[in-house]
Amino acid sequence: MSHESSEIIDAQNCLTEVKYLIEVLFMAAADIGNERQQSAIQYVCDIADERIATINALLATACKQP
């Protein structure tokens, strides 16, 4: 495995950690009494989760490049 591939895998691992943190925020938002605030936080978490998936896909493609 090349050094660049190793760095890509490290980046993917960091993104996975961020994904877990976002999931915790999403779950914690469920305890917010104000429904508008709860929905807003969960919506932002959903967007962040989509961005992470996109970045992971780009990194996976980059990792496959020679």
Protein backbone atom coordinates (compact mmCIF):
# COMPACT_ATOMS: atom_id res chain seq x y z
CA MET A 1 0.00 0.00 0.00
CA SER A 2 1.37 3.38 -0.94
CA HIS A 3 1.81 6.23 1.50
CA GLU A 4 -0.96 8.15 -0.28
CA SER A 5 -3.36 5.22 0.02
CA SER A 6 -2.55 4.99 3.71
CA GLU A 7 -3.34 8.67 4.15
CA ILE A 8 -6.64 8.24 2.31
CA ILE A 9 -7.57 5.37 4.61
CA ASP A 10 -6.65 7.54 7.62
CA ALA A 11 -8.92 10.28 6.25
CA GLN A 12 -11.76 7.78 5.80
CA ASN A 13 -11.28 6.61 9.39
CA CYS A 14 -11.46 10.20 10.65
CA LEU A 15 -14.65 10.75 8.67
CA THR A 16 -16.13 7.62 10.26
CA GLU A 17 -15.38 9.08 13.69
CA VAL A 18 -17.07 12.34 12.69
CA LYS A 19 -20.06 10.36 11.40
CA TYR A 20 -20.42 8.73 14.83
CA LEU A 21 -20.26 12.12 16.54
CA ILE A 22 -22.99 13.42 14.25
CA GLU A 23 -25.12 10.40 15.11
CA VAL A 24 -24.70 11.23 18.80
CA LEU A 25 -25.78 14.82 18.14
CA PHE A 26 -28.81 13.57 16.20
CA MET A 27 -29.83 11.33 19.10
CA ALA A 28 -29.21 14.06 21.68
CA ALA A 29 -31.40 16.44 19.69
CA ALA A 30 -34.31 14.11 20.37
CA ASP A 31 -34.21 15.27 24.01
CA ILE A 32 -34.68 18.93 23.09
CA GLY A 33 -38.10 20.10 24.18
CA ASN A 34 -38.54 22.62 21.38
CA GLU A 35 -39.59 20.73 18.24
CA ARG A 36 -38.34 23.43 15.84
CA GLN A 37 -34.89 23.40 17.42
CA GLN A 38 -34.85 19.63 17.48
CA SER A 39 -35.80 19.43 13.80
CA ALA A 40 -33.23 22.05 12.81
CA ILE A 41 -30.38 20.21 14.53
CA GLN A 42 -31.44 16.86 13.10
CA TYR A 43 -31.72 18.39 9.62
CA VAL A 44 -28.17 19.75 9.85
CA CYS A 45 -26.99 16.33 11.06
CA ASP A 46 -28.63 14.72 8.02
CA ILE A 47 -26.86 17.16 5.69
CA ALA A 48 -23.52 16.53 7.40
CA ASP A 49 -24.07 12.78 7.08
CA GLU A 50 -24.73 13.15 3.34
CA ARG A 51 -21.56 15.22 2.91
CA ILE A 52 -19.52 12.61 4.76
CA ALA A 53 -20.88 9.89 2.46
CA THR A 54 -19.94 11.97 -0.58
CA ILE A 55 -16.42 12.60 0.72
CA ASN A 56 -15.97 8.92 1.58
CA ALA A 57 -16.99 7.96 -1.95
CA LEU A 58 -14.50 10.45 -3.41
CA LEU A 59 -11.74 9.12 -1.15
CA ALA A 60 -12.56 5.53 -2.10
CA THR A 61 -12.28 6.47 -5.77
CA ALA A 62 -8.99 8.26 -5.15
CA CYS A 63 -7.67 5.23 -3.28
CA LYS A 64 -8.34 3.03 -6.33
CA GLN A 65 -6.43 5.39 -8.65
CA PRO A 66 -2.92 4.14 -9.58
